[in-house]
């Protein structure tokens, strides 16, 4: 298996039901380029645990995904604090949402957009 790199970014705060519905739509494709994680707590542990909750997990190197999450946490502490504050001010039925992307698969997806 070739080396795969992954990206991680916190993208917002959303009501649980909206997050769940969006996640179900995305999970239809087993070779999707991205997955969305939701956590009730804007913590490193919360997002690592959320990787286990991806219902139809794509065939990715999930240890590398966790490494990408940790790297983000170490590099973008100010970003994390901003979203933590947003979550604290949101309704109690909200989660902080992050996107994990398989960079190679995402690149392939974009390239197919321009092939015709």
PDB file of N, CA and C in Angstrom:
ATOM      1  N   UNK A   1       0.841  -1.168   0.000  1.00  0.00           N
ATOM      2  CA  UNK A   1       0.000   0.000   0.000  1.00  0.00           C
ATOM      3  C   UNK A   1       0.890   1.236   0.000  1.00  0.00           C
ATOM      4  N   UNK A   2       0.567   2.191  -0.840  1.00  0.00           N
ATOM      5  CA  UNK A   2       1.370   3.398  -0.920  1.00  0.00           C
ATOM      6  C   UNK A   2       1.074   4.318   0.267  1.00  0.00           C
ATOM      7  N   UNK A   3       2.000   5.221   0.497  1.00  0.00           N
ATOM      8  CA  UNK A   3       1.868   6.177   1.584  1.00  0.00           C
ATOM      9  C   UNK A   3       0.689   7.104   1.308  1.00  0.00           C
ATOM     10  N   UNK A   4      -0.162   7.247   2.292  1.00  0.00           N
ATOM     11  CA  UNK A   4      -1.303   8.147   2.158  1.00  0.00           C
ATOM     12  C   UNK A   4      -1.173   9.242   3.199  1.00  0.00           C
ATOM     13  N   UNK A   5      -1.430  10.474   2.769  1.00  0.00           N
ATOM     14  CA  UNK A   5      -1.436  11.557   3.745  1.00  0.00           C
ATOM     15  C   UNK A   5      -2.875  12.029   3.938  1.00  0.00           C
ATOM     16  N   UNK A   6      -3.103  12.596   5.081  1.00  0.00           N
ATOM     17  CA  UNK A   6      -4.428  13.015   5.476  1.00  0.00           C
ATOM     18  C   UNK A   6      -4.379  14.435   6.001  1.00  0.00           C
ATOM     19  N   UNK A   7      -5.480  15.131   5.832  1.00  0.00           N
ATOM     20  CA  UNK A   7      -5.590  16.470   6.403  1.00  0.00           C
ATOM     21  C   UNK A   7      -6.747  16.462   7.392  1.00  0.00           C
ATOM     22  N   UNK A   8      -6.662  17.332   8.361  1.00  0.00           N
ATOM     23  CA  UNK A   8      -7.695  17.464   9.386  1.00  0.00           C
ATOM     24  C   UNK A   8      -7.924  18.946   9.608  1.00  0.00           C
ATOM     25  N   UNK A   9      -9.180  19.327   9.758  1.00  0.00           N
ATOM     26  CA  UNK A   9      -9.500  20.717  10.066  1.00  0.00           C
ATOM     27  C   UNK A   9     -10.843  20.772  10.767  1.00  0.00           C
ATOM     28  N   UNK A  10     -10.938  21.624  11.763  1.00  0.00           N
ATOM     29  CA  UNK A  10     -12.219  21.873  12.414  1.00  0.00           C
ATOM     30  C   UNK A  10     -12.956  22.873  11.527  1.00  0.00           C
ATOM     31  N   UNK A  11     -14.219  22.568  11.204  1.00  0.00           N
ATOM     32  CA  UNK A  11     -14.927  23.405  10.238  1.00  0.00           C
ATOM     33  C   UNK A  11     -16.163  24.098  10.795  1.00  0.00           C
ATOM     34  N   UNK A  12     -16.598  23.759  11.992  1.00  0.00           N
ATOM     35  CA  UNK A  12     -17.766  24.454  12.512  1.00  0.00           C
ATOM     36  C   UNK A  12     -18.432  23.774  13.676  1.00  0.00           C
ATOM     37  N   UNK A  13     -19.550  24.368  14.068  1.00  0.00           N
ATOM     38  CA  UNK A  13     -20.405  23.832  15.119  1.00  0.00           C
ATOM     39  C   UNK A  13     -21.789  23.669  14.500  1.00  0.00           C
ATOM     40  N   UNK A  14     -22.424  22.531  14.750  1.00  0.00           N
ATOM     41  CA  UNK A  14     -23.724  22.259  14.136  1.00  0.00           C
ATOM     42  C   UNK A  14     -24.608  21.478  15.098  1.00  0.00           C
ATOM     43  N   UNK A  15     -25.917  21.606  14.941  1.00  0.00           N
ATOM     44  CA  UNK A  15     -26.823  20.746  15.715  1.00  0.00           C
ATOM     45  C   UNK A  15     -26.560  19.277  15.372  1.00  0.00           C
ATOM     46  N   UNK A  16     -26.693  18.424  16.356  1.00  0.00           N
ATOM     47  CA  UNK A  16     -26.396  17.003  16.175  1.00  0.00           C
ATOM     48  C   UNK A  16     -27.191  16.408  15.013  1.00  0.00           C
ATOM     49  N   UNK A  17     -28.453  16.708  14.913  1.00  0.00           N
ATOM     50  CA  UNK A  17     -29.288  16.104  13.869  1.00  0.00           C
ATOM     51  C   UNK A  17     -28.812  16.504  12.476  1.00  0.00           C
ATOM     52  N   UNK A  18     -28.416  17.759  12.280  1.00  0.00           N
ATOM     53  CA  UNK A  18     -27.903  18.191  10.976  1.00  0.00           C
ATOM     54  C   UNK A  18     -26.583  17.491  10.653  1.00  0.00           C
ATOM     55  N   UNK A  19     -25.718  17.379  11.653  1.00  0.00           N
ATOM     56  CA  UNK A  19     -24.443  16.688  11.454  1.00  0.00           C
ATOM     57  C   UNK A  19     -24.693  15.231  11.064  1.00  0.00           C
ATOM     58  N   UNK A  20     -25.574  14.569  11.794  1.00  0.00           N
ATOM     59  CA  UNK A  20     -25.864  13.165  11.530  1.00  0.00           C
ATOM     60  C   UNK A  20     -26.405  12.971  10.118  1.00  0.00           C
ATOM     61  N   UNK A  21     -27.342  13.810   9.692  1.00  0.00           N
ATOM     62  CA  UNK A  21     -27.909  13.690   8.352  1.00  0.00           C
ATOM     63  C   UNK A  21     -26.848  13.899   7.272  1.00  0.00           C
ATOM     64  N   UNK A  22     -25.995  14.899   7.458  1.00  0.00           N
ATOM     65  CA  UNK A  22     -24.925  15.158   6.482  1.00  0.00           C
ATOM     66  C   UNK A  22     -23.946  13.987   6.435  1.00  0.00           C
ATOM     67  N   UNK A  23     -23.578  13.488   7.599  1.00  0.00           N
ATOM     68  CA  UNK A  23     -22.638  12.377   7.668  1.00  0.00           C
ATOM     69  C   UNK A  23     -23.201  11.152   6.950  1.00  0.00           C
ATOM     70  N   UNK A  24     -24.485  10.874   7.101  1.00  0.00           N
ATOM     71  CA  UNK A  24     -25.100   9.725   6.437  1.00  0.00           C
ATOM     72  C   UNK A  24     -25.051   9.856   4.920  1.00  0.00           C
ATOM     73  N   UNK A  25     -25.237  11.058   4.407  1.00  0.00           N
ATOM     74  CA  UNK A  25     -25.174  11.279   2.961  1.00  0.00           C
ATOM     75  C   UNK A  25     -23.769  11.057   2.434  1.00  0.00           C
ATOM     76  N   UNK A  26     -22.770  11.515   3.164  1.00  0.00           N
ATOM     77  CA  UNK A  26     -21.375  11.395   2.745  1.00  0.00           C
ATOM     78  C   UNK A  26     -20.913   9.933   2.788  1.00  0.00           C
ATOM     79  N   UNK A  27     -21.406   9.172   3.757  1.00  0.00           N
ATOM     80  CA  UNK A  27     -20.921   7.813   3.964  1.00  0.00           C
ATOM     81  C   UNK A  27     -21.423   6.802   2.946  1.00  0.00           C
ATOM     82  N   UNK A  28     -22.218   7.229   1.997  1.00  0.00           N
ATOM     83  CA  UNK A  28     -22.732   6.309   0.984  1.00  0.00           C
ATOM     84  C   UNK A  28     -21.593   5.693   0.179  1.00  0.00           C
ATOM     85  N   UNK A  29     -20.572   6.486  -0.131  1.00  0.00           N
ATOM     86  CA  UNK A  29     -19.468   6.011  -0.958  1.00  0.00           C
ATOM     87  C   UNK A  29     -18.320   5.461  -0.099  1.00  0.00           C
ATOM     88  N   UNK A  30     -17.954   4.194  -0.275  1.00  0.00           N
ATOM     89  CA  UNK A  30     -16.845   3.634   0.507  1.00  0.00           C
ATOM     90  C   UNK A  30     -15.477   4.179   0.080  1.00  0.00           C
ATOM     91  N   UNK A  31     -15.399   4.783  -1.118  1.00  0.00           N
ATOM     92  CA  UNK A  31     -14.129   5.345  -1.589  1.00  0.00           C
ATOM     93  C   UNK A  31     -14.194   6.875  -1.589  1.00  0.00           C
ATOM     94  N   UNK A  32     -14.899   7.409  -0.641  1.00  0.00           N
ATOM     95  CA  UNK A  32     -15.004   8.866  -0.544  1.00  0.00           C
ATOM     96  C   UNK A  32     -13.678   9.452  -0.089  1.00  0.00           C
ATOM     97  N   UNK A  33     -13.459  10.686  -0.457  1.00  0.00           N
ATOM     98  CA  UNK A  33     -12.184  11.337  -0.156  1.00  0.00           C
ATOM     99  C   UNK A  33     -12.162  11.989   1.224  1.00  0.00           C
ATOM    100  N   UNK A  34     -13.316  12.084   1.860  1.00  0.00           N
ATOM    101  CA  UNK A  34     -13.353  12.767   3.154  1.00  0.00           C
ATOM    102  C   UNK A  34     -14.391  12.121   4.069  1.00  0.00           C
ATOM    103  N   UNK A  35     -14.194  12.378   5.348  1.00  0.00           N
ATOM    104  CA  UNK A  35     -15.133  11.934   6.374  1.00  0.00           C
ATOM    105  C   UNK A  35     -15.294  13.093   7.352  1.00  0.00           C
ATOM    106  N   UNK A  36     -16.427  13.132   7.998  1.00  0.00           N
ATOM    107  CA  UNK A  36     -16.695  14.186   8.964  1.00  0.00           C
ATOM    108  C   UNK A  36     -16.808  13.580  10.350  1.00  0.00           C
ATOM    109  N   UNK A  37     -16.205  14.271  11.307  1.00  0.00           N
ATOM    110  CA  UNK A  37     -16.208  13.822  12.687  1.00  0.00           C
ATOM    111  C   UNK A  37     -16.956  14.839  13.530  1.00  0.00           C
ATOM    112  N   UNK A  38     -17.750  14.373  14.463  1.00  0.00           N
ATOM    113  CA  UNK A  38     -18.455  15.271  15.365  1.00  0.00           C
ATOM    114  C   UNK A  38     -18.143  14.891  16.804  1.00  0.00           C
ATOM    115  N   UNK A  39     -17.983  15.906  17.647  1.00  0.00           N
ATOM    116  CA  UNK A  39     -17.671  15.658  19.048  1.00  0.00           C
ATOM    117  C   UNK A  39     -18.410  16.666  19.925  1.00  0.00           C
ATOM    118  N   UNK A  40     -18.905  16.178  21.049  1.00  0.00           N
ATOM    119  CA  UNK A  40     -19.556  17.069  22.010  1.00  0.00           C
ATOM    120  C   UNK A  40     -18.543  17.918  22.767  1.00  0.00           C
ATOM    121  N   UNK A  41     -17.275  17.532  22.680  1.00  0.00           N
ATOM    122  CA  UNK A  41     -16.201  18.249  23.373  1.00  0.00           C
ATOM    123  C   UNK A  41     -15.103  18.574  22.365  1.00  0.00           C
ATOM    124  N   UNK A  42     -14.668  19.813  22.352  1.00  0.00           N
ATOM    125  CA  UNK A  42     -13.598  20.216  21.429  1.00  0.00           C
ATOM    126  C   UNK A  42     -12.259  19.874  22.079  1.00  0.00           C
ATOM    127  N   UNK A  43     -11.981  18.563  22.100  1.00  0.00           N
ATOM    128  CA  UNK A  43     -10.741  18.073  22.698  1.00  0.00           C
ATOM    129  C   UNK A  43     -10.086  17.087  21.738  1.00  0.00           C
ATOM    130  N   UNK A  44      -8.803  16.907  21.903  1.00  0.00           N
ATOM    131  CA  UNK A  44      -8.077  15.938  21.093  1.00  0.00           C
ATOM    132  C   UNK A  44      -8.677  14.549  21.294  1.00  0.00           C
ATOM    133  N   UNK A  45      -8.904  14.160  22.537  1.00  0.00           N
ATOM    134  CA  UNK A  45      -9.489  12.848  22.822  1.00  0.00           C
ATOM    135  C   UNK A  45     -10.868  12.698  22.189  1.00  0.00           C
ATOM    136  N   UNK A  46     -11.655  13.779  22.208  1.00  0.00           N
ATOM    137  CA  UNK A  46     -12.995  13.734  21.620  1.00  0.00           C
ATOM    138  C   UNK A  46     -12.958  13.411  20.142  1.00  0.00           C
ATOM    139  N   UNK A  47     -12.016  14.017  19.419  1.00  0.00           N
ATOM    140  CA  UNK A  47     -11.937  13.743  17.977  1.00  0.00           C
ATOM    141  C   UNK A  47     -11.314  12.391  17.684  1.00  0.00           C
ATOM    142  N   UNK A  48     -10.370  11.970  18.501  1.00  0.00           N
ATOM    143  CA  UNK A  48      -9.804  10.625  18.296  1.00  0.00           C
ATOM    144  C   UNK A  48     -10.896   9.580  18.507  1.00  0.00           C
ATOM    145  N   UNK A  49     -11.704   9.750  19.546  1.00  0.00           N
ATOM    146  CA  UNK A  49     -12.822   8.833  19.784  1.00  0.00           C
ATOM    147  C   UNK A  49     -13.831   8.895  18.640  1.00  0.00           C
ATOM    148  N   UNK A  50     -14.032  10.081  18.065  1.00  0.00           N
ATOM    149  CA  UNK A  50     -14.990  10.241  16.975  1.00  0.00           C
ATOM    150  C   UNK A  50     -14.590   9.442  15.735  1.00  0.00           C
ATOM    151  N   UNK A  51     -13.299   9.158  15.564  1.00  0.00           N
ATOM    152  CA  UNK A  51     -12.888   8.352  14.403  1.00  0.00           C
ATOM    153  C   UNK A  51     -13.498   6.956  14.480  1.00  0.00           C
ATOM    154  N   UNK A  52     -13.762   6.479  15.688  1.00  0.00           N
ATOM    155  CA  UNK A  52     -14.372   5.161  15.867  1.00  0.00           C
ATOM    156  C   UNK A  52     -15.862   5.176  15.533  1.00  0.00           C
ATOM    157  N   UNK A  53     -16.455   6.366  15.491  1.00  0.00           N
ATOM    158  CA  UNK A  53     -17.895   6.489  15.265  1.00  0.00           C
ATOM    159  C   UNK A  53     -18.253   6.645  13.789  1.00  0.00           C
ATOM    160  N   UNK A  54     -17.262   6.705  12.917  1.00  0.00           N
ATOM    161  CA  UNK A  54     -17.552   6.782  11.485  1.00  0.00           C
ATOM    162  C   UNK A  54     -18.143   5.425  11.108  1.00  0.00           C
ATOM    163  N   UNK A  55     -19.423   5.441  10.773  1.00  0.00           N
ATOM    164  CA  UNK A  55     -20.181   4.192  10.586  1.00  0.00           C
ATOM    165  C   UNK A  55     -19.595   3.317   9.485  1.00  0.00           C
ATOM    166  N   UNK A  56     -19.441   3.871   8.299  1.00  0.00           N
ATOM    167  CA  UNK A  56     -18.869   3.119   7.173  1.00  0.00           C
ATOM    168  C   UNK A  56     -17.478   3.676   6.908  1.00  0.00           C
ATOM    169  N   UNK A  57     -16.528   3.184   7.663  1.00  0.00           N
ATOM    170  CA  UNK A  57     -15.168   3.715   7.579  1.00  0.00           C
ATOM    171  C   UNK A  57     -14.520   3.358   6.256  1.00  0.00           C
ATOM    172  N   UNK A  58     -13.998   4.375   5.560  1.00  0.00           N
ATOM    173  CA  UNK A  58     -13.266   4.055   4.322  1.00  0.00           C
ATOM    174  C   UNK A  58     -11.985   3.285   4.650  1.00  0.00           C
ATOM    175  N   UNK A  59     -11.443   2.641   3.653  1.00  0.00           N
ATOM    176  CA  UNK A  59     -10.228   1.844   3.819  1.00  0.00           C
ATOM    177  C   UNK A  59      -9.010   2.770   3.840  1.00  0.00           C
ATOM    178  N   UNK A  60      -8.828   3.446   4.967  1.00  0.00           N
ATOM    179  CA  UNK A  60      -7.734   4.392   5.171  1.00  0.00           C
ATOM    180  C   UNK A  60      -6.796   3.858   6.235  1.00  0.00           C
ATOM    181  N   UNK A  61      -5.649   4.479   6.347  1.00  0.00           N
ATOM    182  CA  UNK A  61      -4.725   4.198   7.440  1.00  0.00           C
ATOM    183  C   UNK A  61      -5.168   5.075   8.610  1.00  0.00           C
ATOM    184  N   UNK A  62      -5.966   4.522   9.501  1.00  0.00           N
ATOM    185  CA  UNK A  62      -6.560   5.319  10.581  1.00  0.00           C
ATOM    186  C   UNK A  62      -5.529   5.749  11.616  1.00  0.00           C
ATOM    187  N   UNK A  63      -4.407   5.060  11.718  1.00  0.00           N
ATOM    188  CA  UNK A  63      -3.319   5.552  12.588  1.00  0.00           C
ATOM    189  C   UNK A  63      -2.757   6.852  12.014  1.00  0.00           C
ATOM    190  N   UNK A  64      -2.632   6.924  10.691  1.00  0.00           N
ATOM    191  CA  UNK A  64      -2.154   8.155  10.047  1.00  0.00           C
ATOM    192  C   UNK A  64      -3.180   9.273  10.196  1.00  0.00           C
ATOM    193  N   UNK A  65      -4.468   8.941  10.174  1.00  0.00           N
ATOM    194  CA  UNK A  65      -5.510   9.941  10.406  1.00  0.00           C
ATOM    195  C   UNK A  65      -5.347  10.531  11.810  1.00  0.00           C
ATOM    196  N   UNK A  66      -5.159   9.685  12.791  1.00  0.00           N
ATOM    197  CA  UNK A  66      -4.978  10.162  14.166  1.00  0.00           C
ATOM    198  C   UNK A  66      -3.720  11.013  14.276  1.00  0.00           C
ATOM    199  N   UNK A  67      -2.661  10.638  13.567  1.00  0.00           N
ATOM    200  CA  UNK A  67      -1.447  11.466  13.553  1.00  0.00           C
ATOM    201  C   UNK A  67      -1.732  12.848  12.980  1.00  0.00           C
ATOM    202  N   UNK A  68      -2.581  12.920  11.944  1.00  0.00           N
ATOM    203  CA  UNK A  68      -2.944  14.212  11.355  1.00  0.00           C
ATOM    204  C   UNK A  68      -3.742  15.059  12.354  1.00  0.00           C
ATOM    205  N   UNK A  69      -4.606  14.411  13.128  1.00  0.00           N
ATOM    206  CA  UNK A  69      -5.375  15.128  14.148  1.00  0.00           C
ATOM    207  C   UNK A  69      -4.442  15.691  15.214  1.00  0.00           C
ATOM    208  N   UNK A  70      -3.519  14.883  15.673  1.00  0.00           N
ATOM    209  CA  UNK A  70      -2.564  15.322  16.703  1.00  0.00           C
ATOM    210  C   UNK A  70      -1.700  16.467  16.174  1.00  0.00           C
ATOM    211  N   UNK A  71      -1.224  16.341  14.933  1.00  0.00           N
ATOM    212  CA  UNK A  71      -0.398  17.402  14.335  1.00  0.00           C
ATOM    213  C   UNK A  71      -1.177  18.709  14.258  1.00  0.00           C
ATOM    214  N   UNK A  72      -2.442  18.637  13.875  1.00  0.00           N
ATOM    215  CA  UNK A  72      -3.286  19.834  13.830  1.00  0.00           C
ATOM    216  C   UNK A  72      -3.393  20.447  15.219  1.00  0.00           C
ATOM    217  N   UNK A  73      -3.620  19.614  16.209  1.00  0.00           N
ATOM    218  CA  UNK A  73      -3.782  20.094  17.594  1.00  0.00           C
ATOM    219  C   UNK A  73      -2.529  20.823  18.068  1.00  0.00           C
ATOM    220  N   UNK A  74      -1.380  20.303  17.714  1.00  0.00           N
ATOM    221  CA  UNK A  74      -0.116  20.916  18.141  1.00  0.00           C
ATOM    222  C   UNK A  74       0.175  22.212  17.396  1.00  0.00           C
ATOM    223  N   UNK A  75      -0.230  22.283  16.129  1.00  0.00           N
ATOM    224  CA  UNK A  75       0.113  23.444  15.308  1.00  0.00           C
ATOM    225  C   UNK A  75      -0.912  24.576  15.363  1.00  0.00           C
ATOM    226  N   UNK A  76      -2.162  24.245  15.582  1.00  0.00           N
ATOM    227  CA  UNK A  76      -3.218  25.251  15.472  1.00  0.00           C
ATOM    228  C   UNK A  76      -4.020  25.411  16.761  1.00  0.00           C
ATOM    229  N   UNK A  77      -3.333  25.585  17.862  1.00  0.00           N
ATOM    230  CA  UNK A  77      -3.981  25.748  19.159  1.00  0.00           C
ATOM    231  C   UNK A  77      -4.958  26.907  19.210  1.00  0.00           C
ATOM    232  N   UNK A  78      -4.638  28.009  18.530  1.00  0.00           N
ATOM    233  CA  UNK A  78      -5.540  29.161  18.524  1.00  0.00           C
ATOM    234  C   UNK A  78      -6.846  28.825  17.809  1.00  0.00           C
ATOM    235  N   UNK A  79      -6.760  28.048  16.755  1.00  0.00           N
ATOM    236  CA  UNK A  79      -7.940  27.604  16.015  1.00  0.00           C
ATOM    237  C   UNK A  79      -8.813  26.712  16.915  1.00  0.00           C
ATOM    238  N   UNK A  80      -8.168  25.809  17.634  1.00  0.00           N
ATOM    239  CA  UNK A  80      -8.878  24.902  18.544  1.00  0.00           C
ATOM    240  C   UNK A  80      -9.610  25.712  19.616  1.00  0.00           C
ATOM    241  N   UNK A  81      -8.930  26.686  20.198  1.00  0.00           N
ATOM    242  CA  UNK A  81      -9.550  27.500  21.258  1.00  0.00           C
ATOM    243  C   UNK A  81     -10.746  28.280  20.726  1.00  0.00           C
ATOM    244  N   UNK A  82     -10.646  28.765  19.507  1.00  0.00           N
ATOM    245  CA  UNK A  82     -11.767  29.494  18.904  1.00  0.00           C
ATOM    246  C   UNK A  82     -12.998  28.604  18.784  1.00  0.00           C
ATOM    247  N   UNK A  83     -12.809  27.382  18.284  1.00  0.00           N
ATOM    248  CA  UNK A  83     -13.947  26.478  18.117  1.00  0.00           C
ATOM    249  C   UNK A  83     -14.458  25.960  19.449  1.00  0.00           C
ATOM    250  N   UNK A  84     -13.567  25.823  20.416  1.00  0.00           N
ATOM    251  CA  UNK A  84     -14.004  25.423  21.760  1.00  0.00           C
ATOM    252  C   UNK A  84     -14.947  26.483  22.325  1.00  0.00           C
ATOM    253  N   UNK A  85     -14.613  27.758  22.150  1.00  0.00           N
ATOM    254  CA  UNK A  85     -15.457  28.857  22.622  1.00  0.00           C
ATOM    255  C   UNK A  85     -16.785  28.870  21.867  1.00  0.00           C
ATOM    256  N   UNK A  86     -16.750  28.640  20.559  1.00  0.00           N
ATOM    257  CA  UNK A  86     -17.981  28.591  19.762  1.00  0.00           C
ATOM    258  C   UNK A  86     -18.916  27.485  20.267  1.00  0.00           C
ATOM    259  N   UNK A  87     -18.341  26.331  20.565  1.00  0.00           N
ATOM    260  CA  UNK A  87     -19.137  25.210  21.054  1.00  0.00           C
ATOM    261  C   UNK A  87     -19.754  25.526  22.412  1.00  0.00           C
ATOM    262  N   UNK A  88     -18.994  26.195  23.275  1.00  0.00           N
ATOM    263  CA  UNK A  88     -19.512  26.548  24.602  1.00  0.00           C
ATOM    264  C   UNK A  88     -20.708  27.496  24.514  1.00  0.00           C
ATOM    265  N   UNK A  89     -20.772  28.312  23.467  1.00  0.00           N
ATOM    266  CA  UNK A  89     -21.864  29.261  23.298  1.00  0.00           C
ATOM    267  C   UNK A  89     -23.019  28.704  22.457  1.00  0.00           C
ATOM    268  N   UNK A  90     -22.871  27.518  21.926  1.00  0.00           N
ATOM    269  CA  UNK A  90     -23.899  26.907  21.084  1.00  0.00           C
ATOM    270  C   UNK A  90     -24.932  26.190  21.962  1.00  0.00           C
ATOM    271  N   UNK A  91     -26.024  25.791  21.328  1.00  0.00           N
ATOM    272  CA  UNK A  91     -27.042  25.004  22.022  1.00  0.00           C
ATOM    273  C   UNK A  91     -26.442  23.706  22.549  1.00  0.00           C
ATOM    274  N   UNK A  92     -27.052  23.164  23.576  1.00  0.00           N
ATOM    275  CA  UNK A  92     -26.526  21.949  24.195  1.00  0.00           C
ATOM    276  C   UNK A  92     -26.604  20.729  23.279  1.00  0.00           C
ATOM    277  N   UNK A  93     -27.420  20.787  22.229  1.00  0.00           N
ATOM    278  CA  UNK A  93     -27.518  19.663  21.300  1.00  0.00           C
ATOM    279  C   UNK A  93     -26.624  19.845  20.078  1.00  0.00           C
ATOM    280  N   UNK A  94     -25.535  20.584  20.248  1.00  0.00           N
ATOM    281  CA  UNK A  94     -24.609  20.839  19.148  1.00  0.00           C
ATOM    282  C   UNK A  94     -23.308  20.073  19.327  1.00  0.00           C
ATOM    283  N   UNK A  95     -22.630  19.868  18.212  1.00  0.00           N
ATOM    284  CA  UNK A  95     -21.313  19.238  18.207  1.00  0.00           C
ATOM    285  C   UNK A  95     -20.354  20.114  17.417  1.00  0.00           C
ATOM    286  N   UNK A  96     -19.080  19.992  17.733  1.00  0.00           N
ATOM    287  CA  UNK A  96     -18.065  20.646  16.911  1.00  0.00           C
ATOM    288  C   UNK A  96     -17.710  19.641  15.813  1.00  0.00           C
ATOM    289  N   UNK A  97     -17.608  20.139  14.582  1.00  0.00           N
ATOM    290  CA  UNK A  97     -17.462  19.272  13.414  1.00  0.00           C
ATOM    291  C   UNK A  97     -16.091  19.478  12.782  1.00  0.00           C
ATOM    292  N   UNK A  98     -15.482  18.368  12.410  1.00  0.00           N
ATOM    293  CA  UNK A  98     -14.186  18.415  11.727  1.00  0.00           C
ATOM    294  C   UNK A  98     -14.260  17.575  10.461  1.00  0.00           C
ATOM    295  N   UNK A  99     -13.375  17.903   9.539  1.00  0.00           N
ATOM    296  CA  UNK A  99     -13.279  17.151   8.279  1.00  0.00           C
ATOM    297  C   UNK A  99     -11.903  16.500   8.214  1.00  0.00           C
ATOM    298  N   UNK A 100     -11.891  15.231   7.872  1.00  0.00           N
ATOM    299  CA  UNK A 100     -10.652  14.509   7.608  1.00  0.00           C
ATOM    300  C   UNK A 100     -10.683  14.160   6.131  1.00  0.00           C
ATOM    301  N   UNK A 101      -9.589  14.407   5.441  1.00  0.00           N
ATOM    302  CA  UNK A 101      -9.540  14.099   4.012  1.00  0.00           C
ATOM    303  C   UNK A 101      -8.334  13.235   3.693  1.00  0.00           C
ATOM    304  N   UNK A 102      -8.553  12.297   2.808  1.00  0.00           N
ATOM    305  CA  UNK A 102      -7.482  11.502   2.232  1.00  0.00           C
ATOM    306  C   UNK A 102      -6.979  12.329   1.055  1.00  0.00           C
ATOM    307  N   UNK A 103      -5.810  12.892   1.172  1.00  0.00           N
ATOM    308  CA  UNK A 103      -5.309  13.860   0.201  1.00  0.00           C
ATOM    309  C   UNK A 103      -5.221  13.266  -1.207  1.00  0.00           C
ATOM    310  N   UNK A 104      -4.743  12.055  -1.333  1.00  0.00           N
ATOM    311  CA  UNK A 104      -4.616  11.442  -2.667  1.00  0.00           C
ATOM    312  C   UNK A 104      -5.987  11.217  -3.299  1.00  0.00           C
ATOM    313  N   UNK A 105      -6.930  10.723  -2.534  1.00  0.00           N
ATOM    314  CA  UNK A 105      -8.266  10.474  -3.070  1.00  0.00           C
ATOM    315  C   UNK A 105      -8.962  11.786  -3.407  1.00  0.00           C
ATOM    316  N   UNK A 106      -8.740  12.815  -2.603  1.00  0.00           N
ATOM    317  CA  UNK A 106      -9.321  14.127  -2.867  1.00  0.00           C
ATOM    318  C   UNK A 106      -8.759  14.700  -4.169  1.00  0.00           C
ATOM    319  N   UNK A 107      -7.450  14.547  -4.373  1.00  0.00           N
ATOM    320  CA  UNK A 107      -6.808  15.004  -5.612  1.00  0.00           C
ATOM    321  C   UNK A 107      -7.402  14.278  -6.814  1.00  0.00           C
ATOM    322  N   UNK A 108      -7.579  12.956  -6.693  1.00  0.00           N
ATOM    323  CA  UNK A 108      -8.186  12.177  -7.781  1.00  0.00           C
ATOM    324  C   UNK A 108      -9.607  12.663  -8.079  1.00  0.00           C
ATOM    325  N   UNK A 109     -10.336  12.967  -7.029  1.00  0.00           N
ATOM    326  CA  UNK A 109     -11.705  13.448  -7.181  1.00  0.00           C
ATOM    327  C   UNK A 109     -11.731  14.777  -7.953  1.00  0.00           C
ATOM    328  N   UNK A 110     -10.833  15.682  -7.596  1.00  0.00           N
ATOM    329  CA  UNK A 110     -10.755  16.970  -8.284  1.00  0.00           C
ATOM    330  C   UNK A 110     -10.327  16.809  -9.735  1.00  0.00           C
ATOM    331  N   UNK A 111      -9.380  15.924 -10.000  1.00  0.00           N
ATOM    332  CA  UNK A 111      -8.893  15.717 -11.366  1.00  0.00           C
ATOM    333  C   UNK A 111      -9.999  15.187 -12.272  1.00  0.00           C
ATOM    334  N   UNK A 112     -10.888  14.350 -11.737  1.00  0.00           N
ATOM    335  CA  UNK A 112     -11.979  13.835 -12.573  1.00  0.00           C
ATOM    336  C   UNK A 112     -12.969  14.927 -12.936  1.00  0.00           C
ATOM    337  N   UNK A 113     -13.016  15.996 -12.199  1.00  0.00           N
ATOM    338  CA  UNK A 113     -13.903  17.109 -12.522  1.00  0.00           C
ATOM    339  C   UNK A 113     -13.504  17.794 -13.827  1.00  0.00           C
ATOM    340  N   UNK A 114     -12.201  17.723 -14.160  1.00  0.00           N
ATOM    341  CA  UNK A 114     -11.669  18.439 -15.318  1.00  0.00           C
ATOM    342  C   UNK A 114     -11.345  17.528 -16.498  1.00  0.00           C
ATOM    343  N   UNK A 115     -11.746  16.281 -16.460  1.00  0.00           N
ATOM    344  CA  UNK A 115     -11.383  15.327 -17.498  1.00  0.00           C
ATOM    345  C   UNK A 115     -12.251  15.386 -18.740  1.00  0.00           C
ATOM    346  N   UNK A 116     -13.294  16.069 -18.763  1.00  0.00           N
ATOM    347  CA  UNK A 116     -14.152  16.056 -19.953  1.00  0.00           C
ATOM    348  C   UNK A 116     -13.976  17.256 -20.749  1.00  0.00           C
TER     349      UNK A 116
END
